[in-house]
Protein backbone atom coordinates (compact mmCIF):
# COMPACT_ATOMS: atom_id res chain seq x y z
CA MET A 1 36.35 23.95 14.56
CA ALA A 2 35.51 20.74 12.75
CA THR A 3 36.72 20.66 9.18
CA ARG A 4 34.28 20.17 6.36
CA LYS A 5 36.12 17.00 5.34
CA SER A 6 35.94 15.50 8.83
CA VAL A 7 32.21 16.17 9.10
CA ASP A 8 31.56 14.75 5.62
CA GLU A 9 33.60 11.64 6.41
CA TYR A 10 31.80 11.19 9.69
CA LEU A 11 28.38 11.60 8.08
CA GLN A 12 29.38 8.89 5.59
CA ARG A 13 30.31 6.54 8.45
CA CYS A 14 26.96 7.30 10.09
CA THR A 15 25.16 6.49 6.85
CA GLU A 16 26.97 3.15 6.73
CA ALA A 17 25.98 2.43 10.34
CA LEU A 18 22.37 3.33 9.49
CA GLU A 19 22.35 1.03 6.47
CA TYR A 20 23.83 -1.86 8.47
CA ALA A 21 21.35 -1.37 11.31
CA GLN A 22 18.42 -1.05 8.89
CA GLU A 23 19.44 -4.34 7.30
CA GLN A 24 19.57 -6.07 10.68
CA TYR A 25 16.21 -4.55 11.64
CA GLU A 26 14.63 -5.84 8.43
CA ILE A 27 16.12 -9.30 8.93
CA GLY A 28 14.72 -9.35 12.46
CA ALA A 29 11.30 -8.25 11.22
CA ARG A 30 11.17 -11.09 8.67
CA GLN A 31 12.23 -13.80 11.05
CA GLU A 32 10.67 -15.25 14.15
CA HIS A 33 14.02 -14.73 15.84
CA TYR A 34 17.03 -12.74 14.73
CA ASN A 35 20.75 -13.08 14.94
CA GLU A 36 21.23 -11.68 18.42
CA THR A 37 24.91 -10.87 17.93
CA GLU A 38 24.45 -8.94 14.68
CA TYR A 39 21.39 -7.12 16.02
CA THR A 40 23.21 -6.11 19.18
CA ASN A 41 26.25 -5.08 17.15
CA ALA A 42 24.06 -2.86 14.96
CA LEU A 43 22.54 -1.22 18.04
CA GLN A 44 26.02 -0.61 19.45
CA LYS A 45 27.14 1.02 16.20
CA LEU A 46 24.14 3.32 16.32
CA GLU A 47 24.87 4.25 19.94
CA ASN A 48 28.53 4.94 19.15
CA ALA A 49 27.54 7.09 16.18
CA VAL A 50 25.15 9.15 18.31
CA ASN A 51 27.82 9.68 20.97
CA ASP A 52 30.39 10.68 18.35
CA ILE A 53 27.95 13.12 16.76
CA ASN A 54 27.36 14.76 20.12
CA HIS A 55 31.10 15.17 20.57
CA LEU A 56 31.73 16.42 17.01
CA SER A 57 28.87 18.92 17.29
CA LEU A 58 30.78 20.80 19.96
CA SER A 59 33.35 21.95 17.42
CA ALA A 60 31.07 22.31 14.39
CA ASN A 61 29.78 25.50 12.81
CA ASP A 62 26.04 26.19 12.50
CA GLN A 63 25.60 24.45 9.15
CA GLN A 64 27.57 21.41 10.30
CA GLN A 65 25.59 21.28 13.54
CA ASP A 66 22.38 21.20 11.51
CA GLN A 67 23.69 18.32 9.36
CA LEU A 68 24.83 16.42 12.44
CA TYR A 69 21.53 17.06 14.22
CA ARG A 70 19.54 15.64 11.29
CA MET A 71 21.77 12.58 11.16
CA ARG A 72 21.42 12.10 14.92
CA LEU A 73 17.63 12.12 14.57
CA GLN A 74 17.81 9.38 11.93
CA LEU A 75 20.17 7.30 14.05
CA GLN A 76 18.07 7.67 17.19
CA SER A 77 14.82 6.91 15.35
CA LEU A 78 16.15 3.60 14.04
CA GLN A 79 17.78 2.88 17.39
CA ASN A 80 14.46 3.38 19.17
CA ASN A 81 12.61 1.17 16.67
CA MET A 82 15.18 -1.59 17.11
CA ILE A 83 15.01 -1.40 20.90
CA LEU A 84 11.22 -1.52 20.87
CA LYS A 85 11.21 -4.49 18.50
CA GLY A 86 13.82 -6.28 20.57
CA SER A 87 11.99 -5.73 23.84
CA GLY A 88 8.69 -6.83 22.29
CA GLU A 89 10.12 -10.25 21.52
CA ARG A 90 11.34 -11.01 25.04
């Protein structure tokens, strides 16, 4: 079973990944072109966070699974928006 501390720490790391990706998304939205490396890095962090959540969910209790599920939805929503924005500019 996942410990409460490990889930809380992981959710904090996910929040940091979300904030970083949101910043890169906003920079890309303001500019004609965006920093490709940073944007791609942000997308990779989101993907890694989603994969880690899926793995951590396997050992989480019901309440933790709910928290992880909600975080995964946020991560995937931003990830999808970033992919759609990126593909629209090509």
